[in-house]
Amino acid sequence: MYLIAGNWKMNGLPASARELASGIAGKSKAGGVLPEIALCPPSALIPLVAEELSGSPVRLGGQDCHMNENGAHTGDTSAVLLSELGCKYVIVGHSERRADHGETDEMVKLKALAAQHAGLVPIICVGETEAERNEGRTEQVISRQVAGSVPEGANADNVVIAYEPVWAIGTGRTATEEDIETAHAQIRVVFSKSAGPAEKLCILYGGSVKGANAGPILKTKGVNGALVGGASLKVDDFWAIIEACP
C-alpha cells in the first residue's frame, strides 16, 4: 500500500481549507489507480474538511491526540473525538511535537495506543536531528524511537511509521535515496524485534517532499509513501506527489 498524507500543520482558515480539500477531492474522483490519500488539517477545521471530502476516496487524519479519552486536558483533542469526526489516521510523535512540547517516546507510545483503541491508525514519526546525524547517531536514535514509541501489539494493519529526518523538514533539503533506504530498512528490523513482522509495514518518508523529488523517493526500496508538509497546502503541488507514486 502507498499512502500520501498531507500534514497541514498550523495552516489554513475555513475558506482556504474548503478550497484545498475540495480541489483534492475533485481530482480524486477523476478515476484511475490512486494511492491511499489522507489530509490532516488543524483539528478545528476537520468537520468542514470532512464535508468537502464526502463522497471521495480521500481520508481524514488528525495531527495529534491525547493519551486519555477525556478529562481535564485543556487544549487537547482525544482520539475518540477524532474518530467520531470521521478520521482514519492521526499523526503522533511528530518532531515538532517532540521538540516544542517535550514529548517523549513513552508519551508517543501512549498516544499511539489511545489512537488504536479509538479505531484510528497512528502515523508514528521518528527521525534524527542534524546534530544527531553529524554525531553519527542516526541509527541509535531511530532504534530508540521505534522501540520506545511503537505500542505492543502493533502490526502492519494498525500502525504506520513515518521517517522524518528533522534536519530535512521544511528546509528544502532531503536525505539521499541511500540514506532513506538504510533508515527504512532499519525501522523494519527494529519493528520486527519489538512488535512483529514488518514486511508489509507501511513506512512513509517525510522531509521537504515535493513534486520535483517525489518520484525517486517513492521508488526507493522500502518506501511506501510520504508524509507531506508544505507541498500539501497547494492542490497541484500535492497532486504532483500523488501522481509520482509507482
Protein backbone atom coordinates (compact mmCIF):
# COMPACT_ATOMS: atom_id res chain seq x y z
CA MET A 1 0.00 0.00 0.00
CA TYR A 2 1.13 3.51 -0.78
CA LEU A 3 -0.09 6.33 1.47
CA ILE A 4 0.32 10.02 0.75
CA ALA A 5 -0.64 12.03 3.83
CA GLY A 6 -0.80 15.82 3.87
CA ASN A 7 0.11 17.43 7.19
CA TRP A 8 -1.25 20.96 7.02
CA LYS A 9 0.31 21.82 10.38
CA MET A 10 -1.00 25.15 11.78
CA ASN A 11 -2.12 26.45 8.41
CA GLY A 12 -5.48 27.21 6.88
CA LEU A 13 -8.66 29.14 7.60
CA PRO A 14 -12.19 27.95 6.80
CA ALA A 15 -12.32 29.34 3.26
CA SER A 16 -8.85 28.18 2.21
CA ALA A 17 -9.34 24.79 3.87
CA ARG A 18 -12.57 24.22 1.97
CA GLU A 19 -10.92 25.23 -1.30
CA LEU A 20 -7.92 22.97 -0.76
CA ALA A 21 -9.95 19.96 0.38
CA SER A 22 -12.45 20.43 -2.44
CA GLY A 23 -9.66 20.58 -5.01
CA ILE A 24 -8.06 17.36 -3.78
CA ALA A 25 -11.42 15.61 -3.54
CA GLY A 26 -12.31 16.68 -7.08
CA LYS A 27 -9.10 15.30 -8.54
CA SER A 28 -9.52 12.05 -6.61
CA LYS A 29 -12.92 11.47 -8.23
CA ALA A 30 -11.49 11.64 -11.75
CA GLY A 31 -10.75 7.93 -11.78
CA GLY A 32 -7.57 5.93 -12.20
CA VAL A 33 -5.48 3.99 -9.74
CA LEU A 34 -4.59 6.10 -6.73
CA PRO A 35 -2.64 5.53 -3.55
CA GLU A 36 -4.39 5.99 -0.22
CA ILE A 37 -4.68 9.75 0.32
CA ALA A 38 -5.17 11.43 3.68
CA LEU A 39 -5.49 15.07 4.70
CA CYS A 40 -4.55 16.11 8.23
CA PRO A 41 -5.83 19.65 8.85
CA PRO A 42 -5.82 21.55 12.16
CA SER A 43 -8.41 19.98 14.46
CA ALA A 44 -10.79 22.93 14.32
CA LEU A 45 -11.03 22.54 10.54
CA ILE A 46 -11.69 18.79 10.50
CA PRO A 47 -15.53 19.00 10.32
CA LEU A 48 -15.61 21.33 7.32
CA VAL A 49 -12.82 19.43 5.55
CA ALA A 50 -14.87 16.28 6.12
CA GLU A 51 -17.79 17.92 4.33
CA GLU A 52 -15.64 18.69 1.30
CA LEU A 53 -14.22 15.17 1.18
CA SER A 54 -17.61 13.48 1.42
CA GLY A 55 -18.14 11.06 -1.45
CA SER A 56 -14.43 10.98 -2.34
CA PRO A 57 -11.83 8.31 -1.52
CA VAL A 58 -9.70 10.82 0.40
CA ARG A 59 -9.39 10.02 4.10
CA LEU A 60 -9.14 12.34 7.10
CA GLY A 61 -6.47 12.46 9.76
CA GLY A 62 -5.64 14.40 12.90
CA GLN A 63 -2.29 15.98 13.70
CA ASP A 64 -2.14 14.80 17.30
CA CYS A 65 -4.23 13.23 20.04
CA HIS A 66 -4.12 12.96 23.81
CA MET A 67 -3.29 9.71 25.54
CA ASN A 68 -6.52 9.84 27.58
CA GLU A 69 -10.08 9.53 26.29
CA ASN A 70 -11.31 12.56 28.25
CA GLY A 71 -10.58 14.68 31.30
CA ALA A 72 -9.06 17.95 32.41
CA HIS A 73 -6.67 18.45 29.49
CA THR A 74 -7.33 21.95 28.22
CA GLY A 75 -6.48 22.45 24.56
CA ASP A 76 -6.01 18.76 23.78
CA THR A 77 -8.03 16.51 21.47
CA SER A 78 -8.93 12.90 22.19
CA ALA A 79 -8.50 10.10 19.69
CA VAL A 80 -12.14 9.15 20.31
CA LEU A 81 -13.28 12.60 19.18
CA LEU A 82 -11.12 12.39 16.05
CA SER A 83 -12.70 9.04 15.25
CA GLU A 84 -16.20 10.44 15.80
CA LEU A 85 -15.38 13.29 13.40
CA GLY A 86 -14.54 10.78 10.67
CA CYS A 87 -10.77 10.46 10.91
CA LYS A 88 -8.96 7.27 9.96
CA TYR A 89 -5.43 8.39 10.82
CA VAL A 90 -3.70 10.53 13.44
CA ILE A 91 -0.09 11.73 13.44
CA VAL A 92 1.73 11.15 16.74
CA GLY A 93 5.27 11.95 17.79
CA HIS A 94 5.98 14.47 15.05
CA SER A 95 9.37 16.08 15.63
CA GLU A 96 7.68 19.44 16.15
CA ARG A 97 5.61 17.93 18.98
CA ARG A 98 8.66 16.23 20.44
CA ALA A 99 10.66 19.48 20.33
CA ASP A 100 8.00 22.09 21.10
CA HIS A 101 6.05 20.11 23.71
CA GLY A 102 8.72 17.85 25.15
CA GLU A 103 7.00 14.65 24.07
CA THR A 104 8.94 11.52 25.00
CA ASP A 105 8.89 8.12 23.32
CA GLU A 106 6.70 6.83 26.16
CA MET A 107 4.17 9.63 25.63
CA VAL A 108 4.11 8.92 21.92
CA LYS A 109 3.54 5.23 22.60
CA LEU A 110 0.58 6.02 24.87
CA LYS A 111 -0.89 8.34 22.23
CA ALA A 112 -0.50 5.66 19.57
CA LEU A 113 -2.19 3.17 21.87
CA ALA A 114 -5.07 5.58 22.51
CA ALA A 115 -5.44 6.02 18.76
CA GLN A 116 -5.60 2.28 18.20
CA HIS A 117 -8.19 1.86 20.95
CA ALA A 118 -10.31 4.51 19.21
CA GLY A 119 -10.07 2.65 15.90
CA LEU A 120 -7.57 5.05 14.35
CA VAL A 121 -4.30 4.20 12.64
CA PRO A 122 -1.46 6.18 14.25
CA ILE A 123 1.25 7.55 11.99
CA ILE A 124 4.22 7.38 14.36
CA CYS A 125 7.03 9.77 13.44
CA VAL A 126 10.70 9.09 14.05
CA GLY A 127 13.86 10.78 12.86
CA GLU A 128 17.18 12.29 13.87
CA THR A 129 18.17 15.93 14.28
CA GLU A 130 21.05 17.48 12.36
CA ALA A 131 23.28 17.34 15.44
CA GLU A 132 22.49 13.65 15.96
CA ARG A 133 23.19 12.97 12.29
CA ASN A 134 26.51 14.83 12.40
CA GLU A 135 27.48 12.85 15.50
CA GLY A 136 26.83 9.59 13.68
CA ARG A 137 23.90 8.68 15.93
CA THR A 138 21.17 8.29 13.30
CA GLU A 139 20.88 4.53 13.75
CA GLN A 140 20.86 4.82 17.53
CA VAL A 141 18.15 7.49 17.54
CA ILE A 142 15.90 5.66 15.10
CA SER A 143 16.24 2.40 17.01
CA ARG A 144 15.40 4.08 20.31
CA GLN A 145 12.41 5.94 18.94
CA VAL A 146 10.90 2.96 17.13
CA ALA A 147 11.39 0.62 20.09
CA GLY A 148 10.09 3.21 22.54
CA SER A 149 7.22 4.73 20.54
CA VAL A 150 5.52 1.70 18.98
CA PRO A 151 2.94 0.07 21.28
CA GLU A 152 2.79 -3.63 22.00
CA GLY A 153 0.52 -5.48 19.61
CA ALA A 154 1.35 -3.14 16.73
CA ASN A 155 1.32 -4.69 13.27
CA ALA A 156 1.20 -3.69 9.64
CA ASP A 157 -2.57 -3.27 9.80
CA ASN A 158 -2.85 -0.96 12.78
CA VAL A 159 0.17 1.33 12.59
CA VAL A 160 2.14 3.41 10.08
CA ILE A 161 5.69 4.69 10.65
CA ALA A 162 6.96 7.94 9.16
CA TYR A 163 10.70 8.53 8.88
CA GLU A 164 11.27 12.27 9.02
CA PRO A 165 14.88 13.38 9.39
CA VAL A 166 14.38 16.55 11.42
CA TRP A 167 17.10 18.40 9.56
CA ALA A 168 15.16 17.99 6.29
CA ILE A 169 11.74 19.18 7.48
CA GLY A 170 10.84 22.50 5.87
CA THR A 171 14.45 23.19 4.90
CA GLY A 172 14.34 22.19 1.25
CA ARG A 173 16.94 19.51 1.98
CA THR A 174 16.18 15.83 1.55
CA ALA A 175 18.00 12.71 2.57
CA THR A 176 19.70 10.78 -0.22
CA GLU A 177 17.95 7.72 -1.59
CA GLU A 178 20.65 5.60 0.03
CA ASP A 179 20.06 7.29 3.40
CA ILE A 180 16.31 6.76 3.09
CA GLU A 181 16.65 3.10 2.10
CA THR A 182 19.01 2.46 5.02
CA ALA A 183 16.74 4.18 7.55
CA HIS A 184 13.60 2.41 6.34
CA ALA A 185 15.36 -0.96 6.43
CA GLN A 186 16.49 -0.26 9.97
CA ILE A 187 12.94 0.66 11.02
CA ARG A 188 11.70 -2.69 9.73
CA VAL A 189 14.38 -4.58 11.64
CA VAL A 190 13.64 -2.80 14.93
CA PHE A 191 9.87 -3.08 14.42
CA SER A 192 10.14 -6.80 13.77
CA LYS A 193 12.05 -7.27 17.03
CA SER A 194 9.78 -5.13 19.23
CA ALA A 195 6.40 -5.60 17.56
CA GLY A 196 6.11 -8.19 14.81
CA PRO A 197 6.57 -8.96 11.10
CA ALA A 198 7.45 -5.81 9.19
CA GLU A 199 7.50 -6.92 5.54
CA LYS A 200 4.13 -5.26 4.90
CA LEU A 201 4.61 -2.35 7.31
CA CYS A 202 3.80 0.99 5.67
CA ILE A 203 6.75 3.34 6.16
CA LEU A 204 6.45 6.90 4.86
CA TYR A 205 9.26 9.33 4.13
CA GLY A 206 8.85 12.96 5.15
CA GLY A 207 11.20 15.88 4.81
CA SER A 208 10.72 18.52 2.09
CA VAL A 209 8.94 16.10 -0.26
CA LYS A 210 7.63 17.86 -3.36
CA GLY A 211 6.66 17.05 -6.92
CA ALA A 212 10.21 17.55 -8.20
CA ASN A 213 11.78 14.91 -5.93
CA ALA A 214 8.82 12.65 -5.14
CA GLY A 215 9.41 10.21 -7.99
CA PRO A 216 12.87 8.99 -6.95
CA ILE A 217 11.93 9.00 -3.27
CA LEU A 218 8.76 6.96 -3.75
CA LYS A 219 10.63 4.45 -5.92
CA THR A 220 13.30 3.94 -3.26
CA LYS A 221 13.30 0.44 -1.78
CA GLY A 222 11.30 0.26 1.44
CA VAL A 223 9.37 3.49 0.91
CA ASN A 224 5.58 3.12 0.98
CA GLY A 225 4.51 6.73 0.66
CA ALA A 226 5.12 10.20 2.02
CA LEU A 227 4.13 12.47 4.86
CA VAL A 228 3.99 15.84 3.15
CA GLY A 229 4.18 19.24 4.81
CA GLY A 230 4.38 22.47 2.82
CA ALA A 231 3.64 20.86 -0.55
CA SER A 232 0.28 19.63 0.79
CA LEU A 233 -1.01 23.21 1.03
CA LYS A 234 -1.49 23.64 -2.72
CA VAL A 235 -3.66 21.32 -4.78
CA ASP A 236 -1.35 21.00 -7.77
CA ASP A 237 1.79 20.57 -5.65
CA PHE A 238 0.20 17.85 -3.54
CA TRP A 239 -1.32 16.10 -6.55
CA ALA A 240 2.07 16.00 -8.29
CA ILE A 241 3.34 13.88 -5.39
CA ILE A 242 0.31 11.60 -5.61
CA GLU A 243 0.88 11.12 -9.33
CA ALA A 244 4.53 10.23 -8.67
CA CYS A 245 3.55 7.02 -6.87
CA PRO A 246 4.75 3.93 -8.77
